[in-house]
Amino acid sequence: MSHYTNIAFLQAKPDKSEALGDALRHLAAQSRTEDGCLMFNVHESEARTGLWFVYEQWADRTDLDRHFETEHLQSFASRLPELLAEEMQLQGYWLRG
């Protein structure tokens, strides 16, 4: 088994949390239809206003690489400067076992 998990933390600008959440949910809906996407979930922090967490799992790293090239991901990424208060934090992990 070699599934690849990608996690992201995104901190919205003070007045942009709702817009960021909407954009993330739209991205998730589109991403779930992609080949190799096993899971794409969006979470909002209970403790920190405007903090969003994305948990996505892909059949392999190459599927995630293809995801990064899709039109819907590129469109989402182009909106980040208007939505984020700080740089997005991305981390990737292999599922082993």
N, C-alpha and C. Protein backbone atom coordinates (compact mmCIF):
# COMPACT_ATOMS: atom_id res chain seq x y z
N MET A 1 0.85 -1.18 0.00
CA MET A 1 0.00 0.00 0.00
C MET A 1 0.89 1.24 0.00
N SER A 2 0.62 2.18 -0.88
CA SER A 2 1.46 3.38 -0.94
C SER A 2 0.62 4.64 -1.13
N HIS A 3 -0.53 4.71 -0.49
CA HIS A 3 -1.35 5.91 -0.61
C HIS A 3 -0.58 7.13 -0.13
N TYR A 4 -0.90 8.26 -0.72
CA TYR A 4 -0.22 9.51 -0.38
C TYR A 4 -1.24 10.48 0.22
N THR A 5 -0.91 11.01 1.38
CA THR A 5 -1.78 11.94 2.08
C THR A 5 -1.16 13.33 2.03
N ASN A 6 -1.97 14.30 1.69
CA ASN A 6 -1.55 15.70 1.66
C ASN A 6 -2.41 16.46 2.65
N ILE A 7 -1.77 17.24 3.51
CA ILE A 7 -2.53 18.08 4.43
C ILE A 7 -2.13 19.52 4.22
N ALA A 8 -3.09 20.40 4.43
CA ALA A 8 -2.83 21.84 4.27
C ALA A 8 -3.53 22.61 5.37
N PHE A 9 -2.84 23.61 5.88
CA PHE A 9 -3.43 24.55 6.82
C PHE A 9 -3.49 25.90 6.14
N LEU A 10 -4.66 26.53 6.18
CA LEU A 10 -4.87 27.82 5.52
C LEU A 10 -5.52 28.78 6.51
N GLN A 11 -4.86 29.90 6.76
CA GLN A 11 -5.39 30.92 7.66
C GLN A 11 -5.98 32.05 6.82
N ALA A 12 -7.27 32.24 6.94
CA ALA A 12 -7.97 33.27 6.17
C ALA A 12 -7.69 34.66 6.74
N LYS A 13 -7.74 35.64 5.87
CA LYS A 13 -7.74 37.03 6.33
C LYS A 13 -8.99 37.23 7.19
N PRO A 14 -8.97 38.20 8.12
CA PRO A 14 -10.08 38.35 9.06
C PRO A 14 -11.48 38.38 8.43
N ASP A 15 -11.62 39.00 7.29
CA ASP A 15 -12.94 39.12 6.68
C ASP A 15 -13.15 38.13 5.52
N LYS A 16 -12.27 37.13 5.40
CA LYS A 16 -12.32 36.23 4.24
C LYS A 16 -12.55 34.76 4.60
N SER A 17 -12.85 34.45 5.86
CA SER A 17 -13.00 33.04 6.24
C SER A 17 -14.15 32.36 5.50
N GLU A 18 -15.27 33.01 5.39
CA GLU A 18 -16.41 32.42 4.69
C GLU A 18 -16.09 32.19 3.22
N ALA A 19 -15.44 33.16 2.59
CA ALA A 19 -15.07 33.02 1.18
C ALA A 19 -14.06 31.90 0.99
N LEU A 20 -13.10 31.79 1.90
CA LEU A 20 -12.12 30.72 1.81
C LEU A 20 -12.81 29.37 1.99
N GLY A 21 -13.69 29.27 2.96
CA GLY A 21 -14.42 28.02 3.16
C GLY A 21 -15.22 27.62 1.93
N ASP A 22 -15.90 28.58 1.32
CA ASP A 22 -16.66 28.29 0.11
C ASP A 22 -15.74 27.80 -1.01
N ALA A 23 -14.60 28.47 -1.17
CA ALA A 23 -13.65 28.08 -2.22
C ALA A 23 -13.09 26.69 -1.96
N LEU A 24 -12.80 26.38 -0.71
CA LEU A 24 -12.29 25.06 -0.37
C LEU A 24 -13.33 23.97 -0.60
N ARG A 25 -14.56 24.22 -0.24
CA ARG A 25 -15.62 23.22 -0.46
C ARG A 25 -15.84 22.99 -1.96
N HIS A 26 -15.77 24.05 -2.74
CA HIS A 26 -15.91 23.92 -4.19
C HIS A 26 -14.74 23.10 -4.75
N LEU A 27 -13.52 23.41 -4.30
CA LEU A 27 -12.34 22.66 -4.73
C LEU A 27 -12.47 21.19 -4.34
N ALA A 28 -12.95 20.92 -3.13
CA ALA A 28 -13.10 19.53 -2.68
C ALA A 28 -14.08 18.77 -3.57
N ALA A 29 -15.20 19.39 -3.89
CA ALA A 29 -16.20 18.71 -4.72
C ALA A 29 -15.63 18.36 -6.09
N GLN A 30 -14.86 19.25 -6.67
CA GLN A 30 -14.26 18.97 -7.97
C GLN A 30 -13.15 17.94 -7.86
N SER A 31 -12.35 18.05 -6.81
CA SER A 31 -11.21 17.16 -6.65
C SER A 31 -11.64 15.72 -6.41
N ARG A 32 -12.75 15.53 -5.73
CA ARG A 32 -13.23 14.17 -5.44
C ARG A 32 -13.57 13.38 -6.70
N THR A 33 -13.79 14.07 -7.82
CA THR A 33 -14.11 13.38 -9.07
C THR A 33 -12.86 12.95 -9.84
N GLU A 34 -11.69 13.37 -9.38
CA GLU A 34 -10.45 13.07 -10.10
C GLU A 34 -10.03 11.61 -9.89
N ASP A 35 -9.41 11.05 -10.93
CA ASP A 35 -8.83 9.71 -10.81
C ASP A 35 -7.78 9.73 -9.71
N GLY A 36 -7.83 8.75 -8.85
CA GLY A 36 -6.83 8.62 -7.80
C GLY A 36 -7.16 9.34 -6.51
N CYS A 37 -8.21 10.16 -6.50
CA CYS A 37 -8.59 10.85 -5.27
C CYS A 37 -9.41 9.88 -4.42
N LEU A 38 -8.88 9.56 -3.26
CA LEU A 38 -9.55 8.64 -2.34
C LEU A 38 -10.36 9.39 -1.29
N MET A 39 -9.91 10.60 -0.96
CA MET A 39 -10.58 11.39 0.08
C MET A 39 -10.13 12.84 -0.06
N PHE A 40 -11.05 13.76 0.15
CA PHE A 40 -10.72 15.18 0.14
C PHE A 40 -11.69 15.86 1.09
N ASN A 41 -11.23 16.14 2.31
CA ASN A 41 -12.09 16.69 3.35
C ASN A 41 -11.60 18.07 3.79
N VAL A 42 -12.56 18.93 4.07
CA VAL A 42 -12.28 20.30 4.50
C VAL A 42 -12.81 20.47 5.92
N HIS A 43 -11.97 21.01 6.79
CA HIS A 43 -12.32 21.21 8.20
C HIS A 43 -12.07 22.66 8.60
N GLU A 44 -12.92 23.18 9.46
CA GLU A 44 -12.75 24.53 10.01
C GLU A 44 -12.44 24.41 11.50
N SER A 45 -11.45 25.15 11.95
CA SER A 45 -11.04 25.08 13.35
C SER A 45 -12.12 25.61 14.28
N GLU A 46 -12.33 24.91 15.36
CA GLU A 46 -13.23 25.37 16.41
C GLU A 46 -12.53 26.42 17.29
N ALA A 47 -11.23 26.28 17.45
CA ALA A 47 -10.48 27.11 18.39
C ALA A 47 -9.89 28.38 17.79
N ARG A 48 -9.62 28.37 16.50
CA ARG A 48 -8.93 29.51 15.88
C ARG A 48 -9.74 30.02 14.69
N THR A 49 -10.30 31.18 14.82
CA THR A 49 -11.14 31.76 13.78
C THR A 49 -10.37 31.88 12.46
N GLY A 50 -11.01 31.40 11.41
CA GLY A 50 -10.45 31.53 10.07
C GLY A 50 -9.41 30.51 9.69
N LEU A 51 -9.13 29.55 10.57
CA LEU A 51 -8.15 28.52 10.25
C LEU A 51 -8.86 27.32 9.65
N TRP A 52 -8.40 26.91 8.48
CA TRP A 52 -8.97 25.78 7.76
C TRP A 52 -7.90 24.71 7.59
N PHE A 53 -8.35 23.46 7.58
CA PHE A 53 -7.48 22.31 7.44
C PHE A 53 -8.05 21.42 6.34
N VAL A 54 -7.21 21.05 5.39
CA VAL A 54 -7.62 20.16 4.30
C VAL A 54 -6.86 18.85 4.45
N TYR A 55 -7.60 17.75 4.41
CA TYR A 55 -7.02 16.41 4.47
C TYR A 55 -7.42 15.69 3.20
N GLU A 56 -6.42 15.36 2.41
CA GLU A 56 -6.70 14.67 1.15
C GLU A 56 -5.82 13.44 1.03
N GLN A 57 -6.39 12.40 0.47
CA GLN A 57 -5.64 11.17 0.28
C GLN A 57 -5.76 10.74 -1.18
N TRP A 58 -4.62 10.36 -1.73
CA TRP A 58 -4.51 9.99 -3.14
C TRP A 58 -3.95 8.59 -3.26
N ALA A 59 -4.32 7.90 -4.32
CA ALA A 59 -3.85 6.54 -4.54
C ALA A 59 -2.32 6.50 -4.65
N ASP A 60 -1.74 7.56 -5.19
CA ASP A 60 -0.28 7.65 -5.33
C ASP A 60 0.12 9.11 -5.48
N ARG A 61 1.37 9.39 -5.28
CA ARG A 61 1.87 10.77 -5.40
C ARG A 61 1.66 11.31 -6.81
N THR A 62 1.73 10.47 -7.82
CA THR A 62 1.53 10.95 -9.20
C THR A 62 0.11 11.47 -9.40
N ASP A 63 -0.87 10.91 -8.69
CA ASP A 63 -2.24 11.40 -8.77
C ASP A 63 -2.32 12.82 -8.19
N LEU A 64 -1.63 13.04 -7.07
CA LEU A 64 -1.60 14.38 -6.49
C LEU A 64 -0.90 15.35 -7.42
N ASP A 65 0.19 14.93 -8.05
CA ASP A 65 0.88 15.80 -9.00
C ASP A 65 -0.04 16.21 -10.14
N ARG A 66 -0.85 15.28 -10.65
CA ARG A 66 -1.82 15.61 -11.70
C ARG A 66 -2.87 16.58 -11.18
N HIS A 67 -3.28 16.38 -9.93
CA HIS A 67 -4.25 17.28 -9.29
C HIS A 67 -3.74 18.72 -9.29
N PHE A 68 -2.46 18.90 -8.97
CA PHE A 68 -1.88 20.25 -8.93
C PHE A 68 -1.93 20.94 -10.28
N GLU A 69 -2.06 20.19 -11.35
CA GLU A 69 -2.09 20.75 -12.71
C GLU A 69 -3.50 21.02 -13.22
N THR A 70 -4.53 20.63 -12.48
CA THR A 70 -5.89 20.79 -12.97
C THR A 70 -6.32 22.26 -12.98
N GLU A 71 -7.25 22.54 -13.84
CA GLU A 71 -7.77 23.91 -13.97
C GLU A 71 -8.42 24.37 -12.67
N HIS A 72 -9.18 23.49 -12.02
CA HIS A 72 -9.86 23.92 -10.79
C HIS A 72 -8.88 24.20 -9.65
N LEU A 73 -7.77 23.46 -9.57
CA LEU A 73 -6.78 23.77 -8.54
C LEU A 73 -6.04 25.06 -8.87
N GLN A 74 -5.71 25.26 -10.12
CA GLN A 74 -5.04 26.50 -10.54
C GLN A 74 -5.93 27.72 -10.29
N SER A 75 -7.21 27.58 -10.56
CA SER A 75 -8.16 28.66 -10.30
C SER A 75 -8.23 28.98 -8.81
N PHE A 76 -8.29 27.93 -7.98
CA PHE A 76 -8.30 28.12 -6.53
C PHE A 76 -7.02 28.82 -6.08
N ALA A 77 -5.88 28.34 -6.54
CA ALA A 77 -4.58 28.90 -6.14
C ALA A 77 -4.47 30.38 -6.51
N SER A 78 -5.07 30.77 -7.62
CA SER A 78 -4.99 32.17 -8.05
C SER A 78 -5.72 33.10 -7.09
N ARG A 79 -6.64 32.57 -6.31
CA ARG A 79 -7.41 33.38 -5.35
C ARG A 79 -6.74 33.49 -3.99
N LEU A 80 -5.72 32.69 -3.73
CA LEU A 80 -5.13 32.65 -2.40
C LEU A 80 -4.59 33.99 -1.90
N PRO A 81 -3.95 34.79 -2.75
CA PRO A 81 -3.47 36.09 -2.23
C PRO A 81 -4.57 36.97 -1.65
N GLU A 82 -5.76 36.90 -2.19
CA GLU A 82 -6.86 37.72 -1.67
C GLU A 82 -7.50 37.11 -0.43
N LEU A 83 -7.31 35.80 -0.22
CA LEU A 83 -8.01 35.10 0.85
C LEU A 83 -7.16 34.82 2.09
N LEU A 84 -5.84 34.63 1.92
CA LEU A 84 -5.00 34.16 3.02
C LEU A 84 -4.28 35.28 3.74
N ALA A 85 -4.21 35.12 5.06
CA ALA A 85 -3.48 36.06 5.91
C ALA A 85 -1.99 35.71 5.98
N GLU A 86 -1.67 34.45 5.70
CA GLU A 86 -0.29 33.98 5.73
C GLU A 86 -0.14 32.85 4.74
N GLU A 87 1.08 32.47 4.47
CA GLU A 87 1.34 31.42 3.49
C GLU A 87 0.73 30.09 3.93
N MET A 88 0.13 29.39 2.99
CA MET A 88 -0.44 28.07 3.25
C MET A 88 0.68 27.11 3.65
N GLN A 89 0.40 26.24 4.60
CA GLN A 89 1.35 25.21 5.02
C GLN A 89 0.90 23.87 4.45
N LEU A 90 1.76 23.27 3.64
CA LEU A 90 1.47 21.96 3.02
C LEU A 90 2.45 20.92 3.54
N GLN A 91 1.94 19.72 3.80
CA GLN A 91 2.80 18.62 4.18
C GLN A 91 2.27 17.35 3.53
N GLY A 92 3.16 16.52 3.06
CA GLY A 92 2.78 15.26 2.44
C GLY A 92 3.30 14.07 3.23
N TYR A 93 2.53 12.98 3.20
CA TYR A 93 2.88 11.78 3.96
C TYR A 93 2.53 10.53 3.15
N TRP A 94 3.41 9.55 3.21
CA TRP A 94 3.12 8.23 2.64
C TRP A 94 2.41 7.38 3.67
N LEU A 95 1.40 6.65 3.26
CA LEU A 95 0.75 5.66 4.11
C LEU A 95 1.46 4.35 3.90
N ARG A 96 2.07 3.86 4.95
CA ARG A 96 2.84 2.62 4.85
C ARG A 96 2.24 1.58 5.79
N GLY A 97 2.18 0.37 5.35
CA GLY A 97 1.73 -0.68 6.24
C GLY A 97 0.59 -1.49 5.70
